[in-house]
Amino acid sequence: MKKVGICFHPQWAAAHGFAQDLKVALESRVAEVWLSAAWDDEGARRNVEGTDLLICVGGDGTMLWAARLVILHPILLLGINMGRLGFLAELGAEEALARLPQILEGGFRVEERTMLHAEFLPSPGASARKGKRYHALNDVVVGRGAPGRAACVEARLDGRRLALYRTDAVIVATATGSTGYTLSAGGPILHPEARELVLMPVAPHLAAARALVLPSSAVIELRVTADHGAILSVDGQVNKELADGEGVRVFPSSHLARFLRLSSPFDYYTALSERLGWLNAANPLRPTRAADEGDFSG
C-alpha cells in the first residue's frame, strides 16, 4: 500500500487522538498518509484519489459516511471501533496498532457489500429534469414527517403497484442494513455479502408488517400520497423532505463497498450472536434505531 487515509469521528476526542497515533505509526511505513474528520466531504475528497486504504476511527456511522465518500473509487475500508457496539468495524483500538504490519503486508481478505442507488422522483406533472441522486450502504427510508402522523406511501415493485402503506416508515435495506433499522422492526438478517434487498414497512396501520426479501434485480419506488408529506432518509445521515406525490426510486448500485477483513468469513454468525446477546438470556440486547455511532449497522 502506498497511500492510506484516516478519518475520525469529529466529536470524539478519543477517536481524534487515536487517529493521530495511527498517522504517526503509518508515516514510516507508507509513502503518503492523510487525515480528515468524518463528514468533512470536501476536505476528504481532495485526498481520495489514489488512496489504497481508508481507516475509519469511530463507529458504524463513520463507516457509513466513508462508504458513500469512496463509492466511485476501489478503496478498501477498515473500521476501528471506538464505541460500545459496532457491526462494520473490524478491530478494536487496542489491537489495531499491533495488526498494522499484517495489513500493510496484504494479510487480509476483501469483503464486498451491496450498496443502494436512490433517485429522487418529482411529483407527477412536475419538471422532468433529473432529480437528486443518493447512495447508501445501509438503507433508504421514507418515513413520517411529523410525530403522531403516519406516512402514506405507495410502493411499486418493478413498475407494478405492490402496496399502499399508512405507516411509521418504509425501509429498503441492503444485507448490511438488515442488522440496522430493519432488525429493530423485526425484519430478517441477511448474510453481509448477500445481494438481495429487504423491503420492510414499520408499524403499518391495518396491514401486516411483513418484510419482503427481493432479488438484486429489483427496482422499488416509494411515493408519498398524503399532503402532510414525509422524510426521505439515506443511511440515517442524509435527510430530505418529501411533499405529496414525491418519492424515490431505489435499486442496487453498480458500485460495491469493499471492506478489509482479518477475520474468517465463518466468524460472522458467532460475532452476530455475541453482539445481539443471543446466548445471554438474562441480559438480551434490545436493538433500537440510531443514526449515530453504535447503531446496529451490519
C-alpha atoms as a PDB file:
ATOM      1  CA  MET A   1       0.000   0.000   0.000  1.00  0.00           C
ATOM      2  CA  LYS A   2       1.289   3.434  -0.971  1.00  0.00           C
ATOM      3  CA  LYS A   3      -1.422   5.819   0.205  1.00  0.00           C
ATOM      4  CA  VAL A   4      -3.557   5.450   3.332  1.00  0.00           C
ATOM      5  CA  GLY A   5      -6.270   7.774   4.622  1.00  0.00           C
ATOM      6  CA  ILE A   6      -7.607   8.039   8.158  1.00  0.00           C
ATOM      7  CA  CYS A   7     -10.998   9.535   9.030  1.00  0.00           C
ATOM      8  CA  PHE A   8     -12.245  10.018  12.570  1.00  0.00           C
ATOM      9  CA  HIS A   9     -15.468  10.930  14.322  1.00  0.00           C
ATOM     10  CA  PRO A  10     -15.174  14.711  14.796  1.00  0.00           C
ATOM     11  CA  GLN A  11     -16.992  14.816  18.148  1.00  0.00           C
ATOM     12  CA  TRP A  12     -14.969  12.128  19.904  1.00  0.00           C
ATOM     13  CA  ALA A  13     -11.687  13.317  21.375  1.00  0.00           C
ATOM     14  CA  ALA A  14     -10.563   9.702  21.790  1.00  0.00           C
ATOM     15  CA  ALA A  15     -11.177   8.997  18.105  1.00  0.00           C
ATOM     16  CA  HIS A  16      -9.186  12.062  17.050  1.00  0.00           C
ATOM     17  CA  GLY A  17      -6.329  11.147  19.386  1.00  0.00           C
ATOM     18  CA  PHE A  18      -6.157   7.560  18.174  1.00  0.00           C
ATOM     19  CA  ALA A  19      -6.282   8.712  14.545  1.00  0.00           C
ATOM     20  CA  GLN A  20      -3.219  10.843  15.234  1.00  0.00           C
ATOM     21  CA  ASP A  21      -1.449   7.805  16.749  1.00  0.00           C
ATOM     22  CA  LEU A  22      -2.273   5.774  13.651  1.00  0.00           C
ATOM     23  CA  LYS A  23      -0.929   8.507  11.382  1.00  0.00           C
ATOM     24  CA  VAL A  24       2.394   8.527  13.236  1.00  0.00           C
ATOM     25  CA  ALA A  25       2.625   4.727  13.086  1.00  0.00           C
ATOM     26  CA  LEU A  26       1.902   4.693   9.342  1.00  0.00           C
ATOM     27  CA  GLU A  27       4.155   7.539   8.226  1.00  0.00           C
ATOM     28  CA  SER A  28       7.286   5.390   8.396  1.00  0.00           C
ATOM     29  CA  ARG A  29       5.630   2.523   6.514  1.00  0.00           C
ATOM     30  CA  VAL A  30       3.750   4.068   3.577  1.00  0.00           C
ATOM     31  CA  ALA A  31       4.546   6.845   1.121  1.00  0.00           C
ATOM     32  CA  GLU A  32       1.565   9.072   1.941  1.00  0.00           C
ATOM     33  CA  VAL A  33      -0.854   9.308   4.853  1.00  0.00           C
ATOM     34  CA  TRP A  34      -3.729  11.797   5.101  1.00  0.00           C
ATOM     35  CA  LEU A  35      -6.119  12.621   7.920  1.00  0.00           C
ATOM     36  CA  SER A  36      -9.664  14.016   7.837  1.00  0.00           C
ATOM     37  CA  ALA A  37     -12.623  14.458  10.131  1.00  0.00           C
ATOM     38  CA  ALA A  38     -15.637  12.415   9.063  1.00  0.00           C
ATOM     39  CA  TRP A  39     -18.411  14.469   7.442  1.00  0.00           C
ATOM     40  CA  ASP A  40     -15.818  16.860   6.000  1.00  0.00           C
ATOM     41  CA  ASP A  41     -16.754  15.754   2.489  1.00  0.00           C
ATOM     42  CA  GLU A  42     -14.899  18.481   0.664  1.00  0.00           C
ATOM     43  CA  GLY A  43     -11.659  18.034   2.594  1.00  0.00           C
ATOM     44  CA  ALA A  44     -11.695  14.256   2.326  1.00  0.00           C
ATOM     45  CA  ARG A  45     -12.485  14.218  -1.403  1.00  0.00           C
ATOM     46  CA  ARG A  46      -9.345  16.240  -2.106  1.00  0.00           C
ATOM     47  CA  ASN A  47      -7.284  13.290  -0.867  1.00  0.00           C
ATOM     48  CA  VAL A  48      -9.316  10.285  -2.004  1.00  0.00           C
ATOM     49  CA  GLU A  49      -7.790   9.847  -5.467  1.00  0.00           C
ATOM     50  CA  GLY A  50      -5.127   7.124  -5.409  1.00  0.00           C
ATOM     51  CA  THR A  51      -5.878   6.027  -1.846  1.00  0.00           C
ATOM     52  CA  ASP A  52      -5.481   2.287  -1.253  1.00  0.00           C
ATOM     53  CA  LEU A  53      -6.981   2.067   2.231  1.00  0.00           C
ATOM     54  CA  LEU A  54      -9.240   4.332   4.305  1.00  0.00           C
ATOM     55  CA  ILE A  55      -9.161   3.604   8.043  1.00  0.00           C
ATOM     56  CA  CYS A  56     -12.299   4.762   9.861  1.00  0.00           C
ATOM     57  CA  VAL A  57     -11.878   5.555  13.568  1.00  0.00           C
ATOM     58  CA  GLY A  58     -15.179   5.878  15.388  1.00  0.00           C
ATOM     59  CA  GLY A  59     -18.214   3.644  14.968  1.00  0.00           C
ATOM     60  CA  ASP A  60     -20.589   2.334  12.345  1.00  0.00           C
ATOM     61  CA  GLY A  61     -21.813   5.825  11.463  1.00  0.00           C
ATOM     62  CA  THR A  62     -18.292   6.800  10.438  1.00  0.00           C
ATOM     63  CA  MET A  63     -18.115   3.710   8.230  1.00  0.00           C
ATOM     64  CA  LEU A  64     -21.427   4.553   6.552  1.00  0.00           C
ATOM     65  CA  TRP A  65     -20.158   8.043   5.723  1.00  0.00           C
ATOM     66  CA  ALA A  66     -16.869   6.657   4.383  1.00  0.00           C
ATOM     67  CA  ALA A  67     -18.587   4.095   2.147  1.00  0.00           C
ATOM     68  CA  ARG A  68     -20.570   6.847   0.428  1.00  0.00           C
ATOM     69  CA  LEU A  69     -17.484   9.053   0.179  1.00  0.00           C
ATOM     70  CA  VAL A  70     -15.354   6.500  -1.712  1.00  0.00           C
ATOM     71  CA  ILE A  71     -18.088   4.811  -3.741  1.00  0.00           C
ATOM     72  CA  LEU A  72     -16.519   5.751  -7.083  1.00  0.00           C
ATOM     73  CA  HIS A  73     -13.064   4.522  -6.063  1.00  0.00           C
ATOM     74  CA  PRO A  74     -11.707   0.968  -5.436  1.00  0.00           C
ATOM     75  CA  ILE A  75     -10.660   1.854  -1.884  1.00  0.00           C
ATOM     76  CA  LEU A  76     -10.616  -0.655   0.957  1.00  0.00           C
ATOM     77  CA  LEU A  77     -12.355   0.361   4.197  1.00  0.00           C
ATOM     78  CA  LEU A  78     -11.125  -0.701   7.635  1.00  0.00           C
ATOM     79  CA  GLY A  79     -13.136   0.176  10.725  1.00  0.00           C
ATOM     80  CA  ILE A  80     -11.623   0.791  14.160  1.00  0.00           C
ATOM     81  CA  ASN A  81     -14.426   0.701  16.711  1.00  0.00           C
ATOM     82  CA  MET A  82     -14.262   3.316  19.462  1.00  0.00           C
ATOM     83  CA  GLY A  83     -17.891   2.875  20.516  1.00  0.00           C
ATOM     84  CA  ARG A  84     -19.839   0.385  22.566  1.00  0.00           C
ATOM     85  CA  LEU A  85     -21.103  -1.642  19.625  1.00  0.00           C
ATOM     86  CA  GLY A  86     -20.062  -1.944  16.012  1.00  0.00           C
ATOM     87  CA  PHE A  87     -21.119  -4.300  13.250  1.00  0.00           C
ATOM     88  CA  LEU A  88     -18.997  -2.793  10.496  1.00  0.00           C
ATOM     89  CA  ALA A  89     -15.730  -2.225  12.352  1.00  0.00           C
ATOM     90  CA  GLU A  90     -13.119  -4.996  12.137  1.00  0.00           C
ATOM     91  CA  LEU A  91     -10.829  -4.098  15.036  1.00  0.00           C
ATOM     92  CA  GLY A  92     -10.865  -2.508  18.450  1.00  0.00           C
ATOM     93  CA  ALA A  93      -8.423   0.280  19.204  1.00  0.00           C
ATOM     94  CA  GLU A  94      -6.373  -1.951  21.486  1.00  0.00           C
ATOM     95  CA  GLU A  95      -5.415  -4.346  18.680  1.00  0.00           C
ATOM     96  CA  ALA A  96      -5.350  -2.045  15.656  1.00  0.00           C
ATOM     97  CA  LEU A  97      -1.766  -0.805  16.014  1.00  0.00           C
ATOM     98  CA  ALA A  98      -0.472  -4.333  16.544  1.00  0.00           C
ATOM     99  CA  ARG A  99      -2.157  -5.578  13.350  1.00  0.00           C
ATOM    100  CA  LEU A 100      -0.821  -2.810  11.084  1.00  0.00           C
ATOM    101  CA  PRO A 101       2.159  -4.856   9.778  1.00  0.00           C
ATOM    102  CA  GLN A 102      -0.156  -7.724   8.785  1.00  0.00           C
ATOM    103  CA  ILE A 103      -2.474  -5.300   6.996  1.00  0.00           C
ATOM    104  CA  LEU A 104       0.275  -3.491   5.105  1.00  0.00           C
ATOM    105  CA  GLU A 105       1.788  -6.817   4.016  1.00  0.00           C
ATOM    106  CA  GLY A 106      -1.512  -7.936   2.480  1.00  0.00           C
ATOM    107  CA  GLY A 107      -2.564 -10.455   5.126  1.00  0.00           C
ATOM    108  CA  PHE A 108      -6.288  -9.877   4.778  1.00  0.00           C
ATOM    109  CA  ARG A 109      -9.336 -10.734   2.701  1.00  0.00           C
ATOM    110  CA  VAL A 110     -11.748  -8.378   0.925  1.00  0.00           C
ATOM    111  CA  GLU A 111     -15.473  -8.486   1.697  1.00  0.00           C
ATOM    112  CA  GLU A 112     -17.724  -6.880  -0.929  1.00  0.00           C
ATOM    113  CA  ARG A 113     -21.092  -5.476   0.089  1.00  0.00           C
ATOM    114  CA  THR A 114     -24.051  -4.232  -1.915  1.00  0.00           C
ATOM    115  CA  MET A 115     -24.868  -0.533  -1.904  1.00  0.00           C
ATOM    116  CA  LEU A 116     -28.074   1.199  -2.944  1.00  0.00           C
ATOM    117  CA  HIS A 117     -28.637   3.795  -5.662  1.00  0.00           C
ATOM    118  CA  ALA A 118     -31.576   6.120  -4.997  1.00  0.00           C
ATOM    119  CA  GLU A 119     -33.105   8.693  -7.338  1.00  0.00           C
ATOM    120  CA  PHE A 120     -35.483  11.418  -6.234  1.00  0.00           C
ATOM    121  CA  LEU A 121     -38.847  11.269  -8.035  1.00  0.00           C
ATOM    122  CA  PRO A 122     -40.710  14.560  -8.557  1.00  0.00           C
ATOM    123  CA  SER A 123     -44.475  14.601  -8.264  1.00  0.00           C
ATOM    124  CA  PRO A 124     -46.444  13.684 -11.416  1.00  0.00           C
ATOM    125  CA  GLY A 125     -46.659  16.632 -13.783  1.00  0.00           C
ATOM    126  CA  ALA A 126     -43.637  18.369 -12.264  1.00  0.00           C
ATOM    127  CA  SER A 127     -40.488  19.128 -14.226  1.00  0.00           C
ATOM    128  CA  ALA A 128     -38.989  16.030 -15.800  1.00  0.00           C
ATOM    129  CA  ARG A 129     -35.428  17.189 -15.129  1.00  0.00           C
ATOM    130  CA  LYS A 130     -33.135  14.756 -13.369  1.00  0.00           C
ATOM    131  CA  GLY A 131     -33.552  14.713  -9.603  1.00  0.00           C
ATOM    132  CA  LYS A 132     -31.023  14.324  -6.840  1.00  0.00           C
ATOM    133  CA  ARG A 133     -29.196  11.004  -6.636  1.00  0.00           C
ATOM    134  CA  TYR A 134     -28.015   9.294  -3.481  1.00  0.00           C
ATOM    135  CA  HIS A 135     -26.009   6.246  -2.463  1.00  0.00           C
ATOM    136  CA  ALA A 136     -26.496   4.199   0.702  1.00  0.00           C
ATOM    137  CA  LEU A 137     -24.758   1.296   2.380  1.00  0.00           C
ATOM    138  CA  ASN A 138     -27.436   0.552   4.978  1.00  0.00           C
ATOM    139  CA  ASP A 139     -30.852   1.717   3.856  1.00  0.00           C
ATOM    140  CA  VAL A 140     -33.120   4.215   2.174  1.00  0.00           C
ATOM    141  CA  VAL A 141     -36.195   5.089   4.242  1.00  0.00           C
ATOM    142  CA  VAL A 142     -39.363   7.058   3.588  1.00  0.00           C
ATOM    143  CA  GLY A 143     -40.861   7.883   6.977  1.00  0.00           C
ATOM    144  CA  ARG A 144     -43.349  10.163   8.646  1.00  0.00           C
ATOM    145  CA  GLY A 145     -42.520  13.835   8.638  1.00  0.00           C
ATOM    146  CA  ALA A 146     -44.270  14.769  11.901  1.00  0.00           C
ATOM    147  CA  PRO A 147     -44.834  12.967  15.222  1.00  0.00           C
ATOM    148  CA  GLY A 148     -48.219  11.340  15.513  1.00  0.00           C
ATOM    149  CA  ARG A 149     -48.955  11.405  11.777  1.00  0.00           C
ATOM    150  CA  ALA A 150     -48.429   8.298   9.703  1.00  0.00           C
ATOM    151  CA  ALA A 151     -46.592   8.429   6.410  1.00  0.00           C
ATOM    152  CA  CYS A 152     -48.795   7.441   3.479  1.00  0.00           C
ATOM    153  CA  VAL A 153     -46.601   5.643   0.965  1.00  0.00           C
ATOM    154  CA  GLU A 154     -47.371   3.828  -2.265  1.00  0.00           C
ATOM    155  CA  ALA A 155     -44.853   1.080  -3.003  1.00  0.00           C
ATOM    156  CA  ARG A 156     -44.195  -0.197  -6.523  1.00  0.00           C
ATOM    157  CA  LEU A 157     -42.006  -3.146  -7.406  1.00  0.00           C
ATOM    158  CA  ASP A 158     -40.573  -3.351 -10.930  1.00  0.00           C
ATOM    159  CA  GLY A 159     -43.180  -0.848 -12.123  1.00  0.00           C
ATOM    160  CA  ARG A 160     -46.207  -2.595 -10.616  1.00  0.00           C
ATOM    161  CA  ARG A 161     -48.212  -1.441  -7.622  1.00  0.00           C
ATOM    162  CA  LEU A 162     -47.389  -3.529  -4.574  1.00  0.00           C
ATOM    163  CA  ALA A 163     -48.950  -1.851  -1.537  1.00  0.00           C
ATOM    164  CA  LEU A 164     -50.368   1.310  -0.007  1.00  0.00           C
ATOM    165  CA  TYR A 165     -48.951   1.822   3.479  1.00  0.00           C
ATOM    166  CA  ARG A 166     -50.067   4.074   6.309  1.00  0.00           C
ATOM    167  CA  THR A 167     -47.016   3.547   8.428  1.00  0.00           C
ATOM    168  CA  ASP A 168     -44.199   4.988  10.503  1.00  0.00           C
ATOM    169  CA  ALA A 169     -41.788   4.244   7.665  1.00  0.00           C
ATOM    170  CA  VAL A 170     -40.984   2.010   4.710  1.00  0.00           C
ATOM    171  CA  ILE A 171     -37.398   0.733   4.563  1.00  0.00           C
ATOM    172  CA  VAL A 172     -35.376  -0.529   1.614  1.00  0.00           C
ATOM    173  CA  ALA A 173     -32.278  -2.158   3.079  1.00  0.00           C
ATOM    174  CA  THR A 174     -29.197  -3.997   1.910  1.00  0.00           C
ATOM    175  CA  ALA A 175     -27.794  -7.042   3.658  1.00  0.00           C
ATOM    176  CA  THR A 176     -25.615  -4.625   5.627  1.00  0.00           C
ATOM    177  CA  GLY A 177     -28.690  -2.659   6.665  1.00  0.00           C
ATOM    178  CA  SER A 178     -30.555  -5.824   7.649  1.00  0.00           C
ATOM    179  CA  THR A 179     -28.905  -5.533  11.082  1.00  0.00           C
ATOM    180  CA  GLY A 180     -29.910  -1.861  11.301  1.00  0.00           C
ATOM    181  CA  TYR A 181     -33.381  -0.332  11.250  1.00  0.00           C
ATOM    182  CA  THR A 182     -34.983  -3.434   9.732  1.00  0.00           C
ATOM    183  CA  LEU A 183     -33.740  -5.552  12.632  1.00  0.00           C
ATOM    184  CA  SER A 184     -35.430  -3.144  15.055  1.00  0.00           C
ATOM    185  CA  ALA A 185     -38.650  -3.547  13.073  1.00  0.00           C
ATOM    186  CA  GLY A 186     -38.477  -7.348  13.154  1.00  0.00           C
ATOM    187  CA  GLY A 187     -37.007  -7.926   9.715  1.00  0.00           C
ATOM    188  CA  PRO A 188     -34.734 -10.774   8.594  1.00  0.00           C
ATOM    189  CA  ILE A 189     -30.942 -10.788   8.903  1.00  0.00           C
ATOM    190  CA  LEU A 190     -29.111 -11.448   5.632  1.00  0.00           C
ATOM    191  CA  HIS A 191     -25.538 -12.612   5.220  1.00  0.00           C
ATOM    192  CA  PRO A 192     -23.388  -9.478   4.772  1.00  0.00           C
ATOM    193  CA  GLU A 193     -22.320 -10.380   1.220  1.00  0.00           C
ATOM    194  CA  ALA A 194     -25.827 -11.303   0.060  1.00  0.00           C
ATOM    195  CA  ARG A 195     -27.033  -9.278  -2.925  1.00  0.00           C
ATOM    196  CA  GLU A 196     -30.741  -9.398  -2.042  1.00  0.00           C
ATOM    197  CA  LEU A 197     -32.675  -6.386  -0.705  1.00  0.00           C
ATOM    198  CA  VAL A 198     -35.229  -6.151   2.103  1.00  0.00           C
ATOM    199  CA  LEU A 199     -38.451  -4.114   1.776  1.00  0.00           C
ATOM    200  CA  MET A 200     -39.936  -3.535   5.237  1.00  0.00           C
ATOM    201  CA  PRO A 201     -42.879  -1.424   6.478  1.00  0.00           C
ATOM    202  CA  VAL A 202     -42.564  -0.229  10.084  1.00  0.00           C
ATOM    203  CA  ALA A 203     -45.699  -0.404  12.243  1.00  0.00           C
ATOM    204  CA  PRO A 204     -48.168  -0.212   9.330  1.00  0.00           C
ATOM    205  CA  HIS A 205     -51.778   0.593  10.223  1.00  0.00           C
ATOM    206  CA  LEU A 206     -54.314  -2.139   9.345  1.00  0.00           C
ATOM    207  CA  ALA A 207     -51.702  -4.085   7.394  1.00  0.00           C
ATOM    208  CA  ALA A 208     -49.365  -6.948   8.131  1.00  0.00           C
ATOM    209  CA  ALA A 209     -45.827  -5.832   8.969  1.00  0.00           C
ATOM    210  CA  ARG A 210     -44.265  -8.334   6.575  1.00  0.00           C
ATOM    211  CA  ALA A 211     -40.808  -7.950   5.139  1.00  0.00           C
ATOM    212  CA  LEU A 212     -40.094  -8.947   1.554  1.00  0.00           C
ATOM    213  CA  VAL A 213     -36.687 -10.280   0.527  1.00  0.00           C
ATOM    214  CA  LEU A 214     -36.187  -9.148  -3.067  1.00  0.00           C
ATOM    215  CA  PRO A 215     -33.696 -10.175  -5.761  1.00  0.00           C
ATOM    216  CA  SER A 216     -30.770  -7.973  -6.753  1.00  0.00           C
ATOM    217  CA  SER A 217     -32.625  -7.044  -9.959  1.00  0.00           C
ATOM    218  CA  ALA A 218     -35.488  -5.383  -8.044  1.00  0.00           C
ATOM    219  CA  VAL A 219     -36.426  -1.736  -8.603  1.00  0.00           C
ATOM    220  CA  ILE A 220     -38.525  -0.251  -5.787  1.00  0.00           C
ATOM    221  CA  GLU A 221     -40.443   3.013  -5.967  1.00  0.00           C
ATOM    222  CA  LEU A 222     -41.811   4.687  -2.843  1.00  0.00           C
ATOM    223  CA  ARG A 223     -44.090   7.695  -3.383  1.00  0.00           C
ATOM    224  CA  VAL A 224     -45.829   9.903  -0.796  1.00  0.00           C
ATOM    225  CA  THR A 225     -49.617  10.006  -1.154  1.00  0.00           C
ATOM    226  CA  ALA A 226     -50.671  12.488   1.571  1.00  0.00           C
ATOM    227  CA  ASP A 227     -50.440  16.265   1.751  1.00  0.00           C
ATOM    228  CA  HIS A 228     -48.610  16.280   5.117  1.00  0.00           C
ATOM    229  CA  GLY A 229     -45.546  14.840   3.395  1.00  0.00           C
ATOM    230  CA  ALA A 230     -42.750  12.620   4.667  1.00  0.00           C
ATOM    231  CA  ILE A 231     -38.989  12.448   5.107  1.00  0.00           C
ATOM    232  CA  LEU A 232     -36.515  10.651   2.865  1.00  0.00           C
ATOM    233  CA  SER A 233     -33.567   9.371   4.901  1.00  0.00           C
ATOM    234  CA  VAL A 234     -30.367   7.891   3.436  1.00  0.00           C
ATOM    235  CA  ASP A 235     -28.307   5.815   5.882  1.00  0.00           C
ATOM    236  CA  GLY A 236     -29.911   7.851   8.671  1.00  0.00           C
ATOM    237  CA  GLN A 237     -27.454  10.650   7.833  1.00  0.00           C
ATOM    238  CA  VAL A 238     -28.832  12.450   4.765  1.00  0.00           C
ATOM    239  CA  ASN A 239     -32.411  13.683   5.070  1.00  0.00           C
ATOM    240  CA  LYS A 240     -34.801  15.426   2.657  1.00  0.00           C
ATOM    241  CA  GLU A 241     -38.414  16.486   2.975  1.00  0.00           C
ATOM    242  CA  LEU A 242     -40.844  14.904   0.515  1.00  0.00           C
ATOM    243  CA  ALA A 243     -44.087  16.596  -0.491  1.00  0.00           C
ATOM    244  CA  ASP A 244     -47.277  14.915  -1.690  1.00  0.00           C
ATOM    245  CA  GLY A 245     -46.570  12.994  -4.902  1.00  0.00           C
ATOM    246  CA  GLU A 246     -42.798  13.000  -4.496  1.00  0.00           C
ATOM    247  CA  GLY A 247     -40.793   9.877  -3.885  1.00  0.00           C
ATOM    248  CA  VAL A 248     -37.684   7.852  -4.533  1.00  0.00           C
ATOM    249  CA  ARG A 249     -36.634   5.027  -6.856  1.00  0.00           C
ATOM    250  CA  VAL A 250     -34.229   2.543  -5.254  1.00  0.00           C
ATOM    251  CA  PHE A 251     -32.166  -0.281  -6.740  1.00  0.00           C
ATOM    252  CA  PRO A 252     -28.740  -1.890  -6.170  1.00  0.00           C
ATOM    253  CA  SER A 253     -25.836   0.327  -7.120  1.00  0.00           C
ATOM    254  CA  SER A 254     -23.302  -0.786  -9.714  1.00  0.00           C
ATOM    255  CA  HIS A 255     -20.655   0.018  -7.075  1.00  0.00           C
ATOM    256  CA  LEU A 256     -19.763  -2.138  -4.078  1.00  0.00           C
ATOM    257  CA  ALA A 257     -18.332  -1.274  -0.679  1.00  0.00           C
ATOM    258  CA  ARG A 258     -15.040  -3.123  -0.112  1.00  0.00           C
ATOM    259  CA  PHE A 259     -14.176  -3.955   3.500  1.00  0.00           C
ATOM    260  CA  LEU A 260     -10.774  -5.147   4.674  1.00  0.00           C
ATOM    261  CA  ARG A 261     -11.277  -8.198   6.872  1.00  0.00           C
ATOM    262  CA  LEU A 262      -8.801 -10.075   9.070  1.00  0.00           C
ATOM    263  CA  SER A 263     -11.372 -12.479  10.468  1.00  0.00           C
ATOM    264  CA  SER A 264     -12.664 -15.613   8.765  1.00  0.00           C
ATOM    265  CA  PRO A 265     -15.994 -15.303   6.920  1.00  0.00           C
ATOM    266  CA  PHE A 266     -17.220 -18.145   9.144  1.00  0.00           C
ATOM    267  CA  ASP A 267     -16.845 -15.894  12.207  1.00  0.00           C
ATOM    268  CA  TYR A 268     -19.728 -13.644  11.163  1.00  0.00           C
ATOM    269  CA  TYR A 269     -22.543 -15.520  12.893  1.00  0.00           C
ATOM    270  CA  THR A 270     -20.505 -16.023  16.061  1.00  0.00           C
ATOM    271  CA  ALA A 271     -19.895 -12.280  16.226  1.00  0.00           C
ATOM    272  CA  LEU A 272     -23.557 -11.590  15.439  1.00  0.00           C
ATOM    273  CA  SER A 273     -24.680 -13.867  18.261  1.00  0.00           C
ATOM    274  CA  GLU A 274     -22.351 -12.163  20.718  1.00  0.00           C
ATOM    275  CA  ARG A 275     -23.388  -8.643  19.730  1.00  0.00           C
ATOM    276  CA  LEU A 276     -27.096  -9.412  19.912  1.00  0.00           C
ATOM    277  CA  GLY A 277     -26.793 -11.307  23.189  1.00  0.00           C
ATOM    278  CA  TRP A 278     -28.482 -14.446  21.870  1.00  0.00           C
ATOM    279  CA  LEU A 279     -26.633 -16.649  24.360  1.00  0.00           C
ATOM    280  CA  ASN A 280     -27.314 -14.392  27.319  1.00  0.00           C
ATOM    281  CA  ALA A 281     -30.996 -14.814  28.210  1.00  0.00           C
ATOM    282  CA  ALA A 282     -30.648 -12.716  31.361  1.00  0.00           C
ATOM    283  CA  ASN A 283     -29.433  -9.602  29.552  1.00  0.00           C
ATOM    284  CA  PRO A 284     -30.609  -9.644  25.928  1.00  0.00           C
ATOM    285  CA  LEU A 285     -29.727  -6.661  23.778  1.00  0.00           C
ATOM    286  CA  ARG A 286     -32.734  -4.761  22.541  1.00  0.00           C
ATOM    287  CA  PRO A 287     -31.965  -3.299  19.130  1.00  0.00           C
ATOM    288  CA  THR A 288     -33.152   0.256  18.595  1.00  0.00           C
ATOM    289  CA  ARG A 289     -32.972   2.667  15.682  1.00  0.00           C
ATOM    290  CA  ALA A 290     -29.999   5.006  15.971  1.00  0.00           C
ATOM    291  CA  ALA A 291     -28.496   7.180  13.252  1.00  0.00           C
ATOM    292  CA  ASP A 292     -25.434   7.930  15.348  1.00  0.00           C
ATOM    293  CA  GLU A 293     -22.427   5.769  16.303  1.00  0.00           C
ATOM    294  CA  GLY A 294     -23.148   2.430  17.916  1.00  0.00           C
ATOM    295  CA  ASP A 295     -26.245   1.638  15.874  1.00  0.00           C
ATOM    296  CA  PHE A 296     -26.998  -1.848  14.646  1.00  0.00           C
ATOM    297  CA  SER A 297     -25.431  -1.354  11.220  1.00  0.00           C
ATOM    298  CA  GLY A 298     -24.401  -4.751   9.967  1.00  0.00           C
END
